[in-house]
Amino acid sequence: MTADAGESPYALSHPDALESEAVHILREVAGEFDNPVILFSGGKDSIVMLHLALKAFTPAPVPFALLHVDTGHNFPEVLAFRDRVVAEHGLRLHIASVQDYIDRGELKERPDGTRNPLQTRPLTDTIQQQRFDAVFGGGRRDEEKARAKERVFSLRDEFSQWDPRRQRPELWNLYNGRHLPREHVRVFPLSNWTELDVWQYIAREHIELPAIYFAHDREVFQRHHMWLTAGSWGGPRAGERTEKRRVRYRTVGDMSCTGAVDSDADTIDKVITEIAASRLTERGATRADDKLSEAAMEDRKREGYF
C-alpha cells in the first residue's frame, strides 16, 4: 500500500503507537526501579496492562508481582478470572484485604455499605511493607478530571500521598523516577488511551475478559439512578425492588458502587459500537464512589489511593 503524500511509510498506526508507548514505559520502570508491582483487579484496564507486560518481556517472565486490594465485595466471577490468570502465567499475587482491617478494628464499615473508599489504608500499608518503589495503575486521563491532570510517573511521598507541587514535567517521553527512601512512584502506562482505544486493542489482540463486561441477564436494583447487583454488602434496602434486566458492566469495582448499564452488547464488536456512540465516560456513568463529592477522586488521590 502506498503511503499518502507527506506521510511516512514507517508511521505506526494509532493502536501500535499506544502499545509502543506503554511497552516503553513498562521497560523503563523495569530498568529504573528495584521492586515494581502491578495493581491487578481482574478489570479490563489491568488485564490490558498485564497483556502489555507479557508482550514487553517475552520470552522472559514478567519481572513484576501483582497486587490486588480486595474489598470483600468484589464480583465473584472477576475474582475467579483473576486467580485463573495468575495461575496460567505463574505470577506472584499479593492481596491486601479490606475485610482483615475491618476484623481487626482498624477500619469501620461506612453507612452506605461501599468499601471502595476504604481501600487506601490496605493499599498504602502493603506498598510500605513490601517496599514497592513503583506501582503500576491502569488509570487513564479520559476517565475523570482528577486523572486527566495526572503524570505518567506520579511521585508519592513516604505516606503515599500526592502533592501537585512535586510532580515533574515529562517532555519528549523522558520520565524522572528519582525518589527518596520510603517514597514511590505510581506509573500509568495507559494514560493516553481512551475507553474506545482499550476495547479496540482487546479486539485486535483477542484478549479474554470476565463475562460481566458483556450483556447478560442479572438480578439488579436501582439506587441513585444506577443498576446495582444485590448482595451481602447491604443491597437492596427496604423499598428497593430487584428485577432481572439485560445489562453489562463498563467498569468493574466494588459491587456496592459499580453500576451496570442496560445493554444488548454481547460481543466485542457490539461493545465497541456502543462505546463509540456513548457521550458519558465509564466512571461518570457507573461509579457511585466518584459521586460522593465533586472532589471525591481528587481527595482519594491526595490520600494515596489513586
C-alpha atoms as a PDB file:
ATOM      1  CA  MET A   1       0.000   0.000   0.000  1.00  0.00           C
ATOM      2  CA  THR A   2       1.358   3.417  -0.964  1.00  0.00           C
ATOM      3  CA  ALA A   3       1.631   5.978   1.840  1.00  0.00           C
ATOM      4  CA  ASP A   4      -0.345   9.225   1.457  1.00  0.00           C
ATOM      5  CA  ALA A   5       1.611  12.302   0.387  1.00  0.00           C
ATOM      6  CA  GLY A   6       3.614  13.645   3.314  1.00  0.00           C
ATOM      7  CA  GLU A   7       3.002  10.523   5.423  1.00  0.00           C
ATOM      8  CA  SER A   8       5.918   8.321   6.404  1.00  0.00           C
ATOM      9  CA  PRO A   9       5.575   4.723   5.188  1.00  0.00           C
ATOM     10  CA  TYR A  10       7.008   3.722   8.575  1.00  0.00           C
ATOM     11  CA  ALA A  11       4.480   5.600  10.708  1.00  0.00           C
ATOM     12  CA  LEU A  12       2.808   3.482  13.383  1.00  0.00           C
ATOM     13  CA  SER A  13      -0.942   3.045  13.419  1.00  0.00           C
ATOM     14  CA  HIS A  14      -2.784   4.563  16.387  1.00  0.00           C
ATOM     15  CA  PRO A  15      -3.076   1.239  18.293  1.00  0.00           C
ATOM     16  CA  ASP A  16       0.569   0.414  17.557  1.00  0.00           C
ATOM     17  CA  ALA A  17       1.664   3.845  18.814  1.00  0.00           C
ATOM     18  CA  LEU A  18      -0.265   3.390  22.069  1.00  0.00           C
ATOM     19  CA  GLU A  19       1.151  -0.106  22.516  1.00  0.00           C
ATOM     20  CA  SER A  20       4.694   1.094  21.802  1.00  0.00           C
ATOM     21  CA  GLU A  21       4.402   3.914  24.346  1.00  0.00           C
ATOM     22  CA  ALA A  22       3.062   1.558  27.044  1.00  0.00           C
ATOM     23  CA  VAL A  23       5.763  -1.053  26.390  1.00  0.00           C
ATOM     24  CA  HIS A  24       8.419   1.682  26.576  1.00  0.00           C
ATOM     25  CA  ILE A  25       7.041   2.782  29.978  1.00  0.00           C
ATOM     26  CA  LEU A  26       6.975  -0.787  31.310  1.00  0.00           C
ATOM     27  CA  ARG A  27      10.564  -1.410  30.225  1.00  0.00           C
ATOM     28  CA  GLU A  28      11.681   1.961  31.583  1.00  0.00           C
ATOM     29  CA  VAL A  29      10.317   1.030  35.010  1.00  0.00           C
ATOM     30  CA  ALA A  30      11.930  -2.415  34.863  1.00  0.00           C
ATOM     31  CA  GLY A  31      15.311  -0.787  34.237  1.00  0.00           C
ATOM     32  CA  GLU A  32      14.965   2.080  36.698  1.00  0.00           C
ATOM     33  CA  PHE A  33      13.264   0.607  39.791  1.00  0.00           C
ATOM     34  CA  ASP A  34      14.131  -2.233  42.153  1.00  0.00           C
ATOM     35  CA  ASN A  35      10.731  -3.599  43.217  1.00  0.00           C
ATOM     36  CA  PRO A  36       7.776  -2.616  40.987  1.00  0.00           C
ATOM     37  CA  VAL A  37       4.271  -4.095  41.263  1.00  0.00           C
ATOM     38  CA  ILE A  38       1.206  -4.084  39.010  1.00  0.00           C
ATOM     39  CA  LEU A  39      -2.188  -3.268  40.529  1.00  0.00           C
ATOM     40  CA  PHE A  40      -4.373  -6.067  39.170  1.00  0.00           C
ATOM     41  CA  SER A  41      -8.081  -6.315  39.924  1.00  0.00           C
ATOM     42  CA  GLY A  42      -9.204  -8.511  37.027  1.00  0.00           C
ATOM     43  CA  GLY A  43     -10.781  -5.469  35.371  1.00  0.00           C
ATOM     44  CA  LYS A  44     -10.249  -4.708  31.697  1.00  0.00           C
ATOM     45  CA  ASP A  45      -7.602  -1.987  32.137  1.00  0.00           C
ATOM     46  CA  SER A  46      -5.430  -4.084  34.449  1.00  0.00           C
ATOM     47  CA  ILE A  47      -5.884  -7.063  32.100  1.00  0.00           C
ATOM     48  CA  VAL A  48      -4.674  -4.975  29.149  1.00  0.00           C
ATOM     49  CA  MET A  49      -1.764  -3.695  31.250  1.00  0.00           C
ATOM     50  CA  LEU A  50      -0.748  -7.263  32.128  1.00  0.00           C
ATOM     51  CA  HIS A  51      -1.060  -8.271  28.462  1.00  0.00           C
ATOM     52  CA  LEU A  52       1.289  -5.426  27.545  1.00  0.00           C
ATOM     53  CA  ALA A  53       3.749  -6.527  30.248  1.00  0.00           C
ATOM     54  CA  LEU A  54       3.705 -10.084  28.898  1.00  0.00           C
ATOM     55  CA  LYS A  55       4.473  -8.750  25.399  1.00  0.00           C
ATOM     56  CA  ALA A  56       7.119  -6.333  26.671  1.00  0.00           C
ATOM     57  CA  PHE A  57       9.274  -9.018  28.301  1.00  0.00           C
ATOM     58  CA  THR A  58       8.576 -12.213  26.360  1.00  0.00           C
ATOM     59  CA  PRO A  59      10.128 -14.780  26.295  1.00  0.00           C
ATOM     60  CA  ALA A  60      11.249 -13.860  29.827  1.00  0.00           C
ATOM     61  CA  PRO A  61       8.681 -13.886  32.636  1.00  0.00           C
ATOM     62  CA  VAL A  62       7.063 -10.626  33.758  1.00  0.00           C
ATOM     63  CA  PRO A  63       9.532  -9.112  36.264  1.00  0.00           C
ATOM     64  CA  PHE A  64       6.771  -7.652  38.443  1.00  0.00           C
ATOM     65  CA  ALA A  65       4.463  -9.063  41.096  1.00  0.00           C
ATOM     66  CA  LEU A  66       0.727  -8.276  41.106  1.00  0.00           C
ATOM     67  CA  LEU A  67      -1.227  -6.552  43.891  1.00  0.00           C
ATOM     68  CA  HIS A  68      -4.991  -6.574  44.406  1.00  0.00           C
ATOM     69  CA  VAL A  69      -6.815  -4.622  47.102  1.00  0.00           C
ATOM     70  CA  ASP A  70      -9.762  -6.926  47.834  1.00  0.00           C
ATOM     71  CA  THR A  71     -12.725  -5.085  49.340  1.00  0.00           C
ATOM     72  CA  GLY A  72     -14.585  -8.287  50.171  1.00  0.00           C
ATOM     73  CA  HIS A  73     -17.400  -7.046  47.928  1.00  0.00           C
ATOM     74  CA  ASN A  74     -15.819  -7.813  44.571  1.00  0.00           C
ATOM     75  CA  PHE A  75     -17.704  -9.654  41.861  1.00  0.00           C
ATOM     76  CA  PRO A  76     -17.061 -13.418  42.327  1.00  0.00           C
ATOM     77  CA  GLU A  77     -16.652 -14.008  38.599  1.00  0.00           C
ATOM     78  CA  VAL A  78     -13.956 -11.310  38.427  1.00  0.00           C
ATOM     79  CA  LEU A  79     -12.049 -12.831  41.362  1.00  0.00           C
ATOM     80  CA  ALA A  80     -12.226 -16.252  39.698  1.00  0.00           C
ATOM     81  CA  PHE A  81     -10.869 -14.743  36.478  1.00  0.00           C
ATOM     82  CA  ARG A  82      -8.069 -13.002  38.423  1.00  0.00           C
ATOM     83  CA  ASP A  83      -6.966 -16.250  40.065  1.00  0.00           C
ATOM     84  CA  ARG A  84      -7.067 -18.165  36.793  1.00  0.00           C
ATOM     85  CA  VAL A  85      -4.887 -15.587  35.015  1.00  0.00           C
ATOM     86  CA  VAL A  86      -2.369 -15.598  37.871  1.00  0.00           C
ATOM     87  CA  ALA A  87      -2.126 -19.398  37.789  1.00  0.00           C
ATOM     88  CA  GLU A  88      -1.951 -19.541  33.988  1.00  0.00           C
ATOM     89  CA  HIS A  89       1.060 -17.216  33.793  1.00  0.00           C
ATOM     90  CA  GLY A  90       2.779 -18.314  37.014  1.00  0.00           C
ATOM     91  CA  LEU A  91       2.583 -14.832  38.548  1.00  0.00           C
ATOM     92  CA  ARG A  92       3.019 -13.705  42.164  1.00  0.00           C
ATOM     93  CA  LEU A  93      -0.110 -12.120  43.637  1.00  0.00           C
ATOM     94  CA  HIS A  94      -0.263 -10.035  46.802  1.00  0.00           C
ATOM     95  CA  ILE A  95      -3.750  -9.487  48.239  1.00  0.00           C
ATOM     96  CA  ALA A  96      -4.467  -6.602  50.615  1.00  0.00           C
ATOM     97  CA  SER A  97      -7.791  -7.368  52.317  1.00  0.00           C
ATOM     98  CA  VAL A  98     -10.144  -4.618  53.485  1.00  0.00           C
ATOM     99  CA  GLN A  99     -12.063  -7.268  55.455  1.00  0.00           C
ATOM    100  CA  ASP A 100      -8.946  -8.080  57.500  1.00  0.00           C
ATOM    101  CA  TYR A 101      -8.654  -4.426  58.547  1.00  0.00           C
ATOM    102  CA  ILE A 102     -12.327  -4.338  59.500  1.00  0.00           C
ATOM    103  CA  ASP A 103     -11.978  -7.561  61.520  1.00  0.00           C
ATOM    104  CA  ARG A 104      -9.026  -6.049  63.414  1.00  0.00           C
ATOM    105  CA  GLY A 105     -10.961  -2.858  64.123  1.00  0.00           C
ATOM    106  CA  GLU A 106      -8.578  -0.710  62.074  1.00  0.00           C
ATOM    107  CA  LEU A 107     -11.304   0.303  59.604  1.00  0.00           C
ATOM    108  CA  LYS A 108     -15.045   0.778  60.060  1.00  0.00           C
ATOM    109  CA  GLU A 109     -17.834  -0.005  57.628  1.00  0.00           C
ATOM    110  CA  ARG A 110     -19.402   3.045  56.011  1.00  0.00           C
ATOM    111  CA  PRO A 111     -23.127   3.704  56.490  1.00  0.00           C
ATOM    112  CA  ASP A 112     -23.691   3.460  52.730  1.00  0.00           C
ATOM    113  CA  GLY A 113     -22.065  -0.004  52.592  1.00  0.00           C
ATOM    114  CA  THR A 114     -19.455   0.876  49.976  1.00  0.00           C
ATOM    115  CA  ARG A 115     -15.900  -0.206  50.683  1.00  0.00           C
ATOM    116  CA  ASN A 116     -14.087   1.415  47.768  1.00  0.00           C
ATOM    117  CA  PRO A 117     -13.068   4.444  49.887  1.00  0.00           C
ATOM    118  CA  LEU A 118     -11.669   2.006  52.478  1.00  0.00           C
ATOM    119  CA  GLN A 119      -9.033   0.658  50.090  1.00  0.00           C
ATOM    120  CA  THR A 120      -6.493   3.410  50.754  1.00  0.00           C
ATOM    121  CA  ARG A 121      -5.115   2.105  54.060  1.00  0.00           C
ATOM    122  CA  PRO A 122      -4.600  -1.535  52.958  1.00  0.00           C
ATOM    123  CA  LEU A 123      -3.013  -0.333  49.711  1.00  0.00           C
ATOM    124  CA  THR A 124      -0.583   2.130  51.269  1.00  0.00           C
ATOM    125  CA  ASP A 125       0.329  -0.254  54.096  1.00  0.00           C
ATOM    126  CA  THR A 126       1.124  -3.045  51.618  1.00  0.00           C
ATOM    127  CA  ILE A 127       3.261  -0.721  49.491  1.00  0.00           C
ATOM    128  CA  GLN A 128       5.299   0.242  52.557  1.00  0.00           C
ATOM    129  CA  GLN A 129       5.514  -3.284  53.998  1.00  0.00           C
ATOM    130  CA  GLN A 130       6.627  -4.831  50.706  1.00  0.00           C
ATOM    131  CA  ARG A 131       8.816  -1.821  49.856  1.00  0.00           C
ATOM    132  CA  PHE A 132       7.377  -1.428  46.374  1.00  0.00           C
ATOM    133  CA  ASP A 133       9.106   1.531  44.729  1.00  0.00           C
ATOM    134  CA  ALA A 134       6.957   1.676  41.582  1.00  0.00           C
ATOM    135  CA  VAL A 135       3.248   0.841  41.412  1.00  0.00           C
ATOM    136  CA  PHE A 136       1.583   0.407  38.006  1.00  0.00           C
ATOM    137  CA  GLY A 137      -2.033   1.527  37.763  1.00  0.00           C
ATOM    138  CA  GLY A 138      -4.498   1.293  34.897  1.00  0.00           C
ATOM    139  CA  GLY A 139      -5.763   4.881  35.212  1.00  0.00           C
ATOM    140  CA  ARG A 140      -6.480   6.785  32.009  1.00  0.00           C
ATOM    141  CA  ARG A 141      -6.794  10.531  31.513  1.00  0.00           C
ATOM    142  CA  ASP A 142     -10.169  10.254  29.784  1.00  0.00           C
ATOM    143  CA  GLU A 143     -11.847   8.665  32.823  1.00  0.00           C
ATOM    144  CA  GLU A 144     -12.198  11.532  35.264  1.00  0.00           C
ATOM    145  CA  LYS A 145     -10.923  15.082  35.835  1.00  0.00           C
ATOM    146  CA  ALA A 146      -8.552  14.133  38.686  1.00  0.00           C
ATOM    147  CA  ARG A 147      -6.935  11.566  36.385  1.00  0.00           C
ATOM    148  CA  ALA A 148      -6.833  13.955  33.429  1.00  0.00           C
ATOM    149  CA  LYS A 149      -4.045  16.037  35.001  1.00  0.00           C
ATOM    150  CA  GLU A 150      -2.003  13.084  36.275  1.00  0.00           C
ATOM    151  CA  ARG A 151       1.533  12.446  35.078  1.00  0.00           C
ATOM    152  CA  VAL A 152       2.655   9.083  33.694  1.00  0.00           C
ATOM    153  CA  PHE A 153       5.192   8.948  36.560  1.00  0.00           C
ATOM    154  CA  SER A 154       3.399  10.285  39.649  1.00  0.00           C
ATOM    155  CA  LEU A 155       5.629  10.802  42.687  1.00  0.00           C
ATOM    156  CA  ARG A 156       4.195   9.836  46.097  1.00  0.00           C
ATOM    157  CA  ASP A 157       5.742  10.686  49.463  1.00  0.00           C
ATOM    158  CA  GLU A 158       6.525   8.292  52.314  1.00  0.00           C
ATOM    159  CA  PHE A 159       2.824   8.298  53.238  1.00  0.00           C
ATOM    160  CA  SER A 160       1.820   7.508  49.627  1.00  0.00           C
ATOM    161  CA  GLN A 161       0.271  10.958  49.307  1.00  0.00           C
ATOM    162  CA  TRP A 162       0.223  13.046  46.133  1.00  0.00           C
ATOM    163  CA  ASP A 163       1.482  16.638  46.100  1.00  0.00           C
ATOM    164  CA  PRO A 164       0.919  18.517  42.828  1.00  0.00           C
ATOM    165  CA  ARG A 165       3.885  20.800  43.530  1.00  0.00           C
ATOM    166  CA  ARG A 166       6.304  17.846  43.453  1.00  0.00           C
ATOM    167  CA  GLN A 167       5.256  16.400  40.089  1.00  0.00           C
ATOM    168  CA  ARG A 168       7.813  16.574  37.294  1.00  0.00           C
ATOM    169  CA  PRO A 169       7.453  17.688  33.663  1.00  0.00           C
ATOM    170  CA  GLU A 170       7.503  14.848  31.126  1.00  0.00           C
ATOM    171  CA  LEU A 171       8.947  16.235  27.933  1.00  0.00           C
ATOM    172  CA  TRP A 172       9.831  14.051  24.932  1.00  0.00           C
ATOM    173  CA  ASN A 173       8.733  10.877  26.766  1.00  0.00           C
ATOM    174  CA  LEU A 174      11.503  11.298  29.340  1.00  0.00           C
ATOM    175  CA  TYR A 175      10.411  10.065  32.762  1.00  0.00           C
ATOM    176  CA  ASN A 176      12.066  11.007  36.042  1.00  0.00           C
ATOM    177  CA  GLY A 177      11.724   8.190  38.546  1.00  0.00           C
ATOM    178  CA  ARG A 178      14.057   9.568  41.218  1.00  0.00           C
ATOM    179  CA  HIS A 179      12.620   9.346  44.714  1.00  0.00           C
ATOM    180  CA  LEU A 180      13.742   9.325  48.322  1.00  0.00           C
ATOM    181  CA  PRO A 181      13.751   6.217  50.538  1.00  0.00           C
ATOM    182  CA  ARG A 182      10.192   5.171  51.518  1.00  0.00           C
ATOM    183  CA  GLU A 183       8.754   7.197  48.638  1.00  0.00           C
ATOM    184  CA  HIS A 184       7.470   5.536  45.496  1.00  0.00           C
ATOM    185  CA  VAL A 185       6.169   6.367  42.028  1.00  0.00           C
ATOM    186  CA  ARG A 186       2.758   5.498  40.631  1.00  0.00           C
ATOM    187  CA  VAL A 187       3.053   4.681  36.939  1.00  0.00           C
ATOM    188  CA  PHE A 188       0.208   4.850  34.404  1.00  0.00           C
ATOM    189  CA  PRO A 189       1.129   3.213  31.061  1.00  0.00           C
ATOM    190  CA  LEU A 190      -2.432   3.648  29.712  1.00  0.00           C
ATOM    191  CA  SER A 191      -2.614   7.392  30.446  1.00  0.00           C
ATOM    192  CA  ASN A 192      -3.151   8.375  26.817  1.00  0.00           C
ATOM    193  CA  TRP A 193      -5.610   5.605  25.983  1.00  0.00           C
ATOM    194  CA  THR A 194      -9.371   6.083  25.846  1.00  0.00           C
ATOM    195  CA  GLU A 195     -12.049   3.537  26.701  1.00  0.00           C
ATOM    196  CA  LEU A 196     -12.558   3.010  22.964  1.00  0.00           C
ATOM    197  CA  ASP A 197      -8.814   2.505  22.450  1.00  0.00           C
ATOM    198  CA  VAL A 198      -8.811  -0.154  25.167  1.00  0.00           C
ATOM    199  CA  TRP A 199     -11.676  -2.089  23.591  1.00  0.00           C
ATOM    200  CA  GLN A 200     -10.251  -1.845  20.078  1.00  0.00           C
ATOM    201  CA  TYR A 201      -6.947  -3.174  21.397  1.00  0.00           C
ATOM    202  CA  ILE A 202      -8.751  -6.003  23.214  1.00  0.00           C
ATOM    203  CA  ALA A 203     -10.426  -6.899  19.913  1.00  0.00           C
ATOM    204  CA  ARG A 204      -7.161  -6.773  17.968  1.00  0.00           C
ATOM    205  CA  GLU A 205      -5.191  -8.814  20.485  1.00  0.00           C
ATOM    206  CA  HIS A 206      -8.018 -11.294  21.242  1.00  0.00           C
ATOM    207  CA  ILE A 207      -7.703 -10.602  24.977  1.00  0.00           C
ATOM    208  CA  GLU A 208     -10.064 -12.570  27.204  1.00  0.00           C
ATOM    209  CA  LEU A 209     -12.182 -10.645  29.737  1.00  0.00           C
ATOM    210  CA  PRO A 210     -14.575 -11.587  32.559  1.00  0.00           C
ATOM    211  CA  ALA A 211     -18.046 -12.289  31.171  1.00  0.00           C
ATOM    212  CA  ILE A 212     -19.678  -9.413  33.081  1.00  0.00           C
ATOM    213  CA  TYR A 213     -18.228  -6.961  30.548  1.00  0.00           C
ATOM    214  CA  PHE A 214     -20.722  -8.369  28.029  1.00  0.00           C
ATOM    215  CA  ALA A 215     -24.522  -8.305  28.036  1.00  0.00           C
ATOM    216  CA  HIS A 216     -26.142 -10.898  30.279  1.00  0.00           C
ATOM    217  CA  ASP A 217     -29.274 -11.308  32.389  1.00  0.00           C
ATOM    218  CA  ARG A 218     -28.788 -10.253  36.022  1.00  0.00           C
ATOM    219  CA  GLU A 219     -30.864  -9.506  39.120  1.00  0.00           C
ATOM    220  CA  VAL A 220     -30.340  -5.803  39.846  1.00  0.00           C
ATOM    221  CA  PHE A 221     -31.990  -2.970  41.720  1.00  0.00           C
ATOM    222  CA  GLN A 222     -31.903   0.790  41.216  1.00  0.00           C
ATOM    223  CA  ARG A 223     -30.149   3.223  43.567  1.00  0.00           C
ATOM    224  CA  HIS A 224     -29.051   6.757  42.709  1.00  0.00           C
ATOM    225  CA  HIS A 225     -30.079   6.141  39.079  1.00  0.00           C
ATOM    226  CA  MET A 226     -27.729   3.152  38.760  1.00  0.00           C
ATOM    227  CA  TRP A 227     -28.422  -0.587  38.469  1.00  0.00           C
ATOM    228  CA  LEU A 228     -26.586  -2.339  41.322  1.00  0.00           C
ATOM    229  CA  THR A 229     -26.148  -6.055  41.985  1.00  0.00           C
ATOM    230  CA  ALA A 230     -27.879  -7.429  45.069  1.00  0.00           C
ATOM    231  CA  GLY A 231     -25.541  -8.938  47.649  1.00  0.00           C
ATOM    232  CA  SER A 232     -24.498  -9.294  51.263  1.00  0.00           C
ATOM    233  CA  TRP A 233     -22.838  -5.867  51.139  1.00  0.00           C
ATOM    234  CA  GLY A 234     -26.168  -4.206  52.003  1.00  0.00           C
ATOM    235  CA  GLY A 235     -28.395  -4.108  48.961  1.00  0.00           C
ATOM    236  CA  PRO A 236     -31.198  -3.909  48.290  1.00  0.00           C
ATOM    237  CA  ARG A 237     -32.608  -1.902  51.182  1.00  0.00           C
ATOM    238  CA  ALA A 238     -36.232  -1.737  52.217  1.00  0.00           C
ATOM    239  CA  GLY A 239     -38.234  -0.292  49.342  1.00  0.00           C
ATOM    240  CA  GLU A 240     -35.648  -1.204  46.707  1.00  0.00           C
ATOM    241  CA  ARG A 241     -37.031  -3.825  44.351  1.00  0.00           C
ATOM    242  CA  THR A 242     -34.883  -6.263  42.386  1.00  0.00           C
ATOM    243  CA  GLU A 243     -35.635  -7.119  38.790  1.00  0.00           C
ATOM    244  CA  LYS A 244     -33.991  -9.130  36.059  1.00  0.00           C
ATOM    245  CA  ARG A 245     -32.505  -6.964  33.304  1.00  0.00           C
ATOM    246  CA  ARG A 246     -30.208  -7.395  30.322  1.00  0.00           C
ATOM    247  CA  VAL A 247     -27.081  -5.496  31.412  1.00  0.00           C
ATOM    248  CA  ARG A 248     -23.308  -5.335  31.190  1.00  0.00           C
ATOM    249  CA  TYR A 249     -20.562  -3.558  33.122  1.00  0.00           C
ATOM    250  CA  ARG A 250     -18.369  -0.862  31.582  1.00  0.00           C
ATOM    251  CA  THR A 251     -16.059  -0.797  34.598  1.00  0.00           C
ATOM    252  CA  VAL A 252     -15.611  -3.224  37.477  1.00  0.00           C
ATOM    253  CA  GLY A 253     -15.060  -2.377  41.136  1.00  0.00           C
ATOM    254  CA  ASP A 254     -16.807  -2.940  44.442  1.00  0.00           C
ATOM    255  CA  MET A 255     -20.340  -4.348  43.925  1.00  0.00           C
ATOM    256  CA  SER A 256     -21.732  -1.648  46.209  1.00  0.00           C
ATOM    257  CA  CYS A 257     -20.697   1.237  43.970  1.00  0.00           C
ATOM    258  CA  THR A 258     -20.373  -0.173  40.434  1.00  0.00           C
ATOM    259  CA  GLY A 259     -23.466   0.193  38.304  1.00  0.00           C
ATOM    260  CA  ALA A 260     -24.463  -1.890  35.308  1.00  0.00           C
ATOM    261  CA  VAL A 261     -25.817  -0.375  32.107  1.00  0.00           C
ATOM    262  CA  ASP A 262     -28.715  -1.670  30.042  1.00  0.00           C
ATOM    263  CA  SER A 263     -27.145  -3.290  27.019  1.00  0.00           C
ATOM    264  CA  ASP A 264     -27.520  -5.935  24.337  1.00  0.00           C
ATOM    265  CA  ALA A 265     -23.800  -5.796  23.501  1.00  0.00           C
ATOM    266  CA  ASP A 266     -22.775  -9.420  23.950  1.00  0.00           C
ATOM    267  CA  THR A 267     -19.732  -9.370  21.637  1.00  0.00           C
ATOM    268  CA  ILE A 268     -16.625  -7.193  21.461  1.00  0.00           C
ATOM    269  CA  ASP A 269     -17.742  -5.621  18.175  1.00  0.00           C
ATOM    270  CA  LYS A 270     -21.108  -4.669  19.667  1.00  0.00           C
ATOM    271  CA  VAL A 271     -19.410  -3.201  22.746  1.00  0.00           C
ATOM    272  CA  ILE A 272     -17.153  -1.074  20.539  1.00  0.00           C
ATOM    273  CA  THR A 273     -20.166   0.217  18.605  1.00  0.00           C
ATOM    274  CA  GLU A 274     -21.961   1.012  21.863  1.00  0.00           C
ATOM    275  CA  ILE A 275     -18.987   2.893  23.346  1.00  0.00           C
ATOM    276  CA  ALA A 276     -18.405   4.870  20.145  1.00  0.00           C
ATOM    277  CA  ALA A 277     -21.961   6.231  20.438  1.00  0.00           C
ATOM    278  CA  SER A 278     -21.769   6.979  24.177  1.00  0.00           C
ATOM    279  CA  ARG A 279     -21.375  10.528  25.482  1.00  0.00           C
ATOM    280  CA  LEU A 280     -20.729   9.534  29.117  1.00  0.00           C
ATOM    281  CA  THR A 281     -17.412   8.272  30.465  1.00  0.00           C
ATOM    282  CA  GLU A 282     -17.481   4.833  32.033  1.00  0.00           C
ATOM    283  CA  ARG A 283     -16.818   6.156  35.541  1.00  0.00           C
ATOM    284  CA  GLY A 284     -19.227   9.062  35.142  1.00  0.00           C
ATOM    285  CA  ALA A 285     -21.988   6.672  34.146  1.00  0.00           C
ATOM    286  CA  THR A 286     -21.405   3.759  36.507  1.00  0.00           C
ATOM    287  CA  ARG A 287     -19.301   4.604  39.587  1.00  0.00           C
ATOM    288  CA  ALA A 288     -21.098   5.871  42.689  1.00  0.00           C
ATOM    289  CA  ASP A 289     -17.827   6.300  44.621  1.00  0.00           C
ATOM    290  CA  ASP A 290     -16.792   9.083  42.227  1.00  0.00           C
ATOM    291  CA  LYS A 291     -20.025  10.944  43.038  1.00  0.00           C
ATOM    292  CA  LEU A 292     -19.574  11.159  46.794  1.00  0.00           C
ATOM    293  CA  SER A 293     -18.419  14.745  46.267  1.00  0.00           C
ATOM    294  CA  GLU A 294     -17.217  16.998  43.451  1.00  0.00           C
ATOM    295  CA  ALA A 295     -13.632  16.271  44.500  1.00  0.00           C
ATOM    296  CA  ALA A 296     -14.034  12.612  45.547  1.00  0.00           C
ATOM    297  CA  MET A 297     -11.287  11.213  43.316  1.00  0.00           C
ATOM    298  CA  GLU A 298      -9.018  14.211  43.910  1.00  0.00           C
ATOM    299  CA  ASP A 299      -9.292  13.671  47.678  1.00  0.00           C
ATOM    300  CA  ARG A 300      -8.534   9.962  47.356  1.00  0.00           C
ATOM    301  CA  LYS A 301      -5.538  10.709  45.157  1.00  0.00           C
ATOM    302  CA  ARG A 302      -4.087  13.066  47.758  1.00  0.00           C
ATOM    303  CA  GLU A 303      -4.624  10.421  50.453  1.00  0.00           C
ATOM    304  CA  GLY A 304      -2.764   7.789  48.447  1.00  0.00           C
ATOM    305  CA  TYR A 305      -5.475   5.596  46.874  1.00  0.00           C
ATOM    306  CA  PHE A 306      -5.218   6.503  43.197  1.00  0.00           C
END
